[in-house]
């Protein structure tokens, strides 16, 4: 424990200002000791990479890792095809990436395809940088799941690698499978009538089918027998986990904010659809 700051602060404070100076010196000395403790323990400069990286650097690391792991996932089926490249480009389009940020994402994707890509090391870095911020880790995992599902199917090798990625981030096999089911439902939900344009006009271009309603339930992680209260609780939980402002406050790179916004729109549309069809208030 650092104490010299308090001792010296109290001593010189008393000499210069008497009892009042002693208290002020003790307070300032405490602040000095606390700052020194944080630096030596690796918390002085953002708590990442032994305390050397600031917030912008952590965001850059997260951004790079997201697309590099995505490239590694695309390579899991063998040779990366034009379909996988189109999937990555589509995700970049959804994020609204242009110019330098898009160039960085493309470079990271290419590096992830290399044979010697250090997947375990990258996942460990992501997990350490997001310590105490489970929502960010979940976002990272869901980004990889979205990339795997973007072509409409999940290859067995992709599923296998997603389990490796999930373990590296600290998620169980059961948690991954739940997210896979929810993302599959989300994919069908999007294909079945929901998109960003129609969402602004009520969510669906046409009357939803029973399958679309089932997908909305699965997207929110509740059963079709859920009560209005259970539905609302699940909706609020999902929105809390994916809210762009909360993710931004926890360190989500600004380049990825658009995906978080789209996810909340999707959750809102699913919730509104169920409420309307079930007559919930």
Protein backbone atom coordinates (compact mmCIF):
# COMPACT_ATOMS: atom_id res chain seq x y z
CA UNK A 1 0.00 0.00 0.00
CA UNK A 2 1.31 3.44 -0.96
CA UNK A 3 1.50 5.77 2.11
CA UNK A 4 4.37 8.14 1.49
CA UNK A 5 2.17 10.63 -0.33
CA UNK A 6 -0.12 10.95 2.68
CA UNK A 7 2.81 11.25 5.12
CA UNK A 8 4.63 13.91 3.13
CA UNK A 9 1.42 15.73 2.24
CA UNK A 10 0.34 15.89 5.89
CA UNK A 11 3.81 17.02 7.05
CA UNK A 12 4.29 19.85 4.59
CA UNK A 13 0.61 20.79 4.77
CA UNK A 14 0.92 21.27 8.55
CA UNK A 15 4.10 23.34 8.15
CA UNK A 16 2.52 25.64 5.61
CA UNK A 17 -1.05 25.85 6.83
CA UNK A 18 -1.43 24.40 10.31
CA UNK A 19 -4.27 21.96 11.03
CA UNK A 20 -6.19 22.98 7.92
CA UNK A 21 -3.07 22.54 5.80
CA UNK A 22 -2.52 19.12 7.35
CA UNK A 23 -5.98 17.94 6.26
CA UNK A 24 -5.55 19.35 2.77
CA UNK A 25 -2.08 17.81 2.47
CA UNK A 26 -3.40 14.46 3.68
CA UNK A 27 -6.16 14.53 1.05
CA UNK A 28 -3.78 15.44 -1.79
CA UNK A 29 -1.28 12.84 -0.61
CA UNK A 30 -4.00 10.19 -0.68
CA UNK A 31 -4.82 11.08 -4.29
CA UNK A 32 -1.13 10.83 -5.19
CA UNK A 33 -0.79 7.42 -3.53
CA UNK A 34 -3.90 6.12 -5.27
CA UNK A 35 -2.60 7.24 -8.67
CA UNK A 36 0.72 5.50 -8.08
CA UNK A 37 -1.06 2.30 -7.02
CA UNK A 38 -3.16 2.29 -10.20
CA UNK A 39 -0.10 2.75 -12.39
CA UNK A 40 1.84 -0.06 -10.75
CA UNK A 41 -1.14 -2.42 -10.91
CA UNK A 42 -1.73 -1.77 -14.62
CA UNK A 43 -4.94 0.23 -14.23
CA UNK A 44 -3.52 3.68 -14.82
CA UNK A 45 -4.05 3.86 -18.57
CA UNK A 46 -7.31 2.08 -19.30
CA UNK A 47 -6.72 -1.42 -17.92
CA UNK A 48 -5.65 -3.02 -21.21
CA UNK A 49 -2.32 -4.46 -22.38
CA UNK A 50 -0.65 -3.92 -18.98
CA UNK A 51 -2.17 -0.46 -18.72
CA UNK A 52 -0.58 1.00 -21.85
CA UNK A 53 -3.57 1.38 -24.11
CA UNK A 54 -6.17 4.12 -23.94
CA UNK A 55 -9.81 3.86 -24.91
CA UNK A 56 -9.22 4.54 -28.61
CA UNK A 57 -6.56 1.83 -28.76
CA UNK A 58 -8.87 -0.68 -27.07
CA UNK A 59 -11.57 0.11 -29.61
CA UNK A 60 -9.09 -0.33 -32.46
CA UNK A 61 -8.03 -3.71 -31.03
CA UNK A 62 -11.67 -4.80 -30.75
CA UNK A 63 -12.39 -3.67 -34.32
CA UNK A 64 -9.36 -5.48 -35.73
CA UNK A 65 -10.10 -8.66 -33.78
CA UNK A 66 -13.72 -8.68 -34.94
CA UNK A 67 -12.84 -8.75 -38.63
CA UNK A 68 -9.71 -10.90 -38.26
CA UNK A 69 -11.65 -13.63 -36.44
CA UNK A 70 -14.37 -13.25 -39.08
CA UNK A 71 -11.77 -13.95 -41.77
CA UNK A 72 -10.54 -16.99 -39.84
CA UNK A 73 -14.12 -18.22 -39.58
CA UNK A 74 -14.61 -17.82 -43.33
CA UNK A 75 -11.48 -19.89 -43.95
CA UNK A 76 -12.77 -22.73 -41.73
CA UNK A 77 -14.64 -24.34 -44.64
CA UNK A 78 -11.44 -24.50 -46.69
CA UNK A 79 -10.61 -22.00 -49.40
CA UNK A 80 -12.30 -18.65 -48.94
CA UNK A 81 -14.77 -18.23 -51.79
CA UNK A 82 -16.33 -15.17 -53.33
CA UNK A 83 -19.43 -15.90 -51.23
CA UNK A 84 -17.47 -15.45 -47.99
CA UNK A 85 -15.92 -12.25 -49.31
CA UNK A 86 -19.37 -10.97 -50.24
CA UNK A 87 -20.60 -11.81 -46.73
CA UNK A 88 -17.79 -9.78 -45.18
CA UNK A 89 -18.46 -6.91 -47.59
CA UNK A 90 -22.16 -7.01 -46.74
CA UNK A 91 -21.38 -6.67 -43.03
CA UNK A 92 -19.07 -3.75 -43.79
CA UNK A 93 -21.90 -2.20 -45.79
CA UNK A 94 -24.30 -2.67 -42.87
CA UNK A 95 -21.80 -0.88 -40.65
CA UNK A 96 -21.47 1.91 -43.19
CA UNK A 97 -17.70 1.45 -43.44
CA UNK A 98 -15.95 3.57 -46.04
CA UNK A 99 -12.46 4.85 -46.72
CA UNK A 100 -9.78 4.05 -44.17
CA UNK A 101 -12.05 2.15 -41.77
CA UNK A 102 -13.18 -0.18 -44.56
CA UNK A 103 -9.57 -0.65 -45.67
CA UNK A 104 -8.61 -1.59 -42.10
CA UNK A 105 -11.49 -4.07 -41.88
CA UNK A 106 -10.46 -5.69 -45.18
CA UNK A 107 -6.84 -5.99 -44.05
CA UNK A 108 -7.90 -7.57 -40.76
CA UNK A 109 -10.17 -10.03 -42.63
CA UNK A 110 -7.26 -11.03 -44.88
CA UNK A 111 -4.90 -11.49 -41.93
CA UNK A 112 -7.46 -13.75 -40.27
CA UNK A 113 -7.29 -16.09 -43.27
CA UNK A 114 -3.57 -16.74 -42.82
CA UNK A 115 -2.55 -20.24 -41.76
CA UNK A 116 -0.58 -18.98 -38.76
CA UNK A 117 -3.32 -16.66 -37.48
CA UNK A 118 -3.05 -16.73 -33.65
CA UNK A 119 -6.75 -17.24 -32.87
CA UNK A 120 -6.23 -18.21 -29.23
CA UNK A 121 -4.02 -15.20 -28.56
CA UNK A 122 -6.48 -12.80 -30.18
CA UNK A 123 -9.44 -14.22 -28.23
CA UNK A 124 -7.49 -13.96 -24.98
CA UNK A 125 -6.75 -10.31 -25.73
CA UNK A 126 -10.41 -9.60 -26.45
CA UNK A 127 -11.51 -11.37 -23.27
CA UNK A 128 -8.98 -9.46 -21.15
CA UNK A 129 -9.85 -6.10 -22.69
CA UNK A 130 -13.56 -6.72 -22.06
CA UNK A 131 -13.15 -7.95 -18.48
CA UNK A 132 -16.23 -6.94 -16.54
CA UNK A 133 -18.07 -6.00 -19.74
CA UNK A 134 -19.94 -9.14 -20.71
CA UNK A 135 -22.16 -7.24 -23.16
CA UNK A 136 -19.14 -6.43 -25.33
CA UNK A 137 -18.02 -10.05 -25.35
CA UNK A 138 -21.53 -11.07 -26.33
CA UNK A 139 -21.51 -8.50 -29.15
CA UNK A 140 -18.21 -9.93 -30.41
CA UNK A 141 -19.57 -13.48 -30.38
CA UNK A 142 -22.82 -12.45 -32.07
CA UNK A 143 -20.83 -10.64 -34.77
CA UNK A 144 -19.13 -13.92 -35.64
CA UNK A 145 -22.44 -15.79 -35.57
CA UNK A 146 -24.01 -13.22 -37.90
CA UNK A 147 -21.10 -13.61 -40.30
CA UNK A 148 -21.48 -17.40 -40.27
CA UNK A 149 -25.25 -17.18 -40.90
CA UNK A 150 -25.09 -14.39 -43.48
CA UNK A 151 -25.13 -16.83 -46.41
CA UNK A 152 -28.24 -18.53 -45.02
CA UNK A 153 -26.65 -21.69 -43.64
CA UNK A 154 -24.15 -22.85 -41.03
CA UNK A 155 -21.43 -25.24 -42.15
CA UNK A 156 -20.39 -27.93 -39.61
CA UNK A 157 -16.85 -26.55 -39.58
CA UNK A 158 -18.18 -23.09 -38.88
CA UNK A 159 -20.19 -24.44 -35.97
CA UNK A 160 -17.11 -26.24 -34.65
CA UNK A 161 -14.98 -23.10 -34.84
CA UNK A 162 -17.73 -21.00 -33.27
CA UNK A 163 -17.54 -23.31 -30.25
CA UNK A 164 -13.79 -22.67 -30.09
CA UNK A 165 -14.40 -18.92 -30.30
CA UNK A 166 -17.11 -19.06 -27.64
CA UNK A 167 -14.86 -20.98 -25.24
CA UNK A 168 -12.05 -18.50 -25.84
CA UNK A 169 -14.38 -15.67 -24.87
CA UNK A 170 -15.66 -17.45 -21.77
CA UNK A 171 -19.03 -18.71 -23.02
CA UNK A 172 -20.32 -22.24 -22.49
CA UNK A 173 -21.44 -24.59 -25.27
CA UNK A 174 -25.03 -24.17 -24.08
CA UNK A 175 -24.80 -20.38 -24.26
CA UNK A 176 -23.44 -20.58 -27.80
CA UNK A 177 -26.17 -22.96 -28.95
CA UNK A 178 -28.79 -20.62 -27.54
CA UNK A 179 -27.27 -17.71 -29.47
CA UNK A 180 -27.12 -19.82 -32.60
CA UNK A 181 -30.84 -20.62 -32.37
CA UNK A 182 -31.65 -16.97 -31.76
CA UNK A 183 -29.55 -15.83 -34.71
CA UNK A 184 -31.09 -18.44 -36.99
CA UNK A 185 -34.51 -17.14 -35.98
CA UNK A 186 -33.30 -13.57 -36.56
CA UNK A 187 -32.14 -14.51 -40.06
CA UNK A 188 -35.53 -16.03 -40.91
CA UNK A 189 -37.28 -13.06 -39.31
CA UNK A 190 -35.38 -10.69 -41.59
CA UNK A 191 -36.09 -12.79 -44.65
CA UNK A 192 -39.73 -13.22 -43.71
CA UNK A 193 -40.75 -9.58 -43.88
CA UNK A 194 -38.79 -7.41 -41.47
CA UNK A 195 -36.23 -4.97 -42.76
CA UNK A 196 -35.06 -1.51 -41.75
CA UNK A 197 -37.37 0.31 -44.17
CA UNK A 198 -40.52 -1.63 -43.31
CA UNK A 199 -39.68 -1.44 -39.60
CA UNK A 200 -40.28 2.28 -39.74
CA UNK A 201 -43.74 1.55 -41.15
CA UNK A 202 -44.79 -1.07 -38.63
CA UNK A 203 -42.26 -3.87 -39.04
CA UNK A 204 -43.69 -6.05 -41.83
CA UNK A 205 -44.56 -5.54 -45.48
CA UNK A 206 -47.31 -8.16 -45.19
CA UNK A 207 -49.32 -10.00 -42.57
CA UNK A 208 -46.97 -12.23 -40.57
CA UNK A 209 -47.27 -16.00 -40.79
CA UNK A 210 -47.24 -18.38 -37.85
CA UNK A 211 -43.60 -19.20 -38.61
CA UNK A 212 -42.66 -15.53 -38.48
CA UNK A 213 -44.40 -15.18 -35.14
CA UNK A 214 -42.49 -18.20 -33.84
CA UNK A 215 -39.25 -16.65 -35.06
CA UNK A 216 -40.09 -13.43 -33.21
CA UNK A 217 -40.51 -15.40 -29.98
CA UNK A 218 -37.23 -17.26 -30.49
CA UNK A 219 -35.42 -14.05 -31.39
CA UNK A 220 -36.43 -12.64 -28.00
CA UNK A 221 -35.55 -15.88 -26.24
CA UNK A 222 -39.02 -16.74 -24.90
CA UNK A 223 -41.52 -19.53 -25.54
CA UNK A 224 -44.76 -19.00 -27.44
CA UNK A 225 -46.65 -19.57 -24.18
CA UNK A 226 -44.95 -16.60 -22.51
CA UNK A 227 -47.21 -14.17 -20.69
CA UNK A 228 -47.23 -10.44 -21.43
CA UNK A 229 -45.06 -9.87 -18.36
CA UNK A 230 -42.54 -12.56 -19.34
CA UNK A 231 -42.38 -11.17 -22.85
CA UNK A 232 -41.74 -7.64 -21.59
CA UNK A 233 -39.05 -8.88 -19.21
CA UNK A 234 -37.25 -10.75 -22.01
CA UNK A 235 -37.54 -7.77 -24.35
CA UNK A 236 -36.10 -5.37 -21.78
CA UNK A 237 -33.24 -7.78 -21.05
CA UNK A 238 -32.34 -8.06 -24.71
CA UNK A 239 -32.59 -4.31 -25.26
CA UNK A 240 -30.43 -3.66 -22.23
CA UNK A 241 -27.77 -6.03 -23.56
CA UNK A 242 -27.78 -4.57 -27.08
CA UNK A 243 -28.54 -0.88 -26.54
CA UNK A 244 -26.07 1.14 -28.65
CA UNK A 245 -25.53 3.85 -26.04
CA UNK A 246 -24.71 1.34 -23.31
CA UNK A 247 -22.38 -0.60 -25.58
CA UNK A 248 -20.67 2.63 -26.63
CA UNK A 249 -20.15 3.59 -22.99
CA UNK A 250 -18.49 0.20 -22.43
CA UNK A 251 -16.11 0.64 -25.35
CA UNK A 252 -17.86 -0.52 -28.53
CA UNK A 253 -15.98 0.97 -31.52
CA UNK A 254 -18.01 3.72 -33.20
CA UNK A 255 -17.63 1.90 -36.54
CA UNK A 256 -19.74 -0.94 -35.11
CA UNK A 257 -22.51 1.18 -33.65
CA UNK A 258 -24.74 0.77 -36.69
CA UNK A 259 -24.96 -3.00 -36.14
CA UNK A 260 -26.07 -2.42 -32.56
CA UNK A 261 -28.74 0.02 -33.75
CA UNK A 262 -30.02 -2.47 -36.31
CA UNK A 263 -30.20 -5.17 -33.65
CA UNK A 264 -32.35 -3.02 -31.39
CA UNK A 265 -34.65 -2.23 -34.33
CA UNK A 266 -34.98 -5.95 -34.96
CA UNK A 267 -35.78 -6.65 -31.30
CA UNK A 268 -38.31 -3.82 -31.26
CA UNK A 269 -40.02 -5.19 -34.40
CA UNK A 270 -40.23 -8.70 -32.92
CA UNK A 271 -41.67 -7.36 -29.67
CA UNK A 272 -44.22 -5.17 -31.46
CA UNK A 273 -45.27 -8.05 -33.70
CA UNK A 274 -45.97 -10.39 -30.78
CA UNK A 275 -47.82 -7.72 -28.81
CA UNK A 276 -50.00 -6.93 -31.81
CA UNK A 277 -50.79 -10.55 -32.68
CA UNK A 278 -51.43 -11.56 -29.05
CA UNK A 279 -53.27 -8.42 -28.07
CA UNK A 280 -50.82 -7.58 -25.28
CA UNK A 281 -50.80 -4.05 -23.93
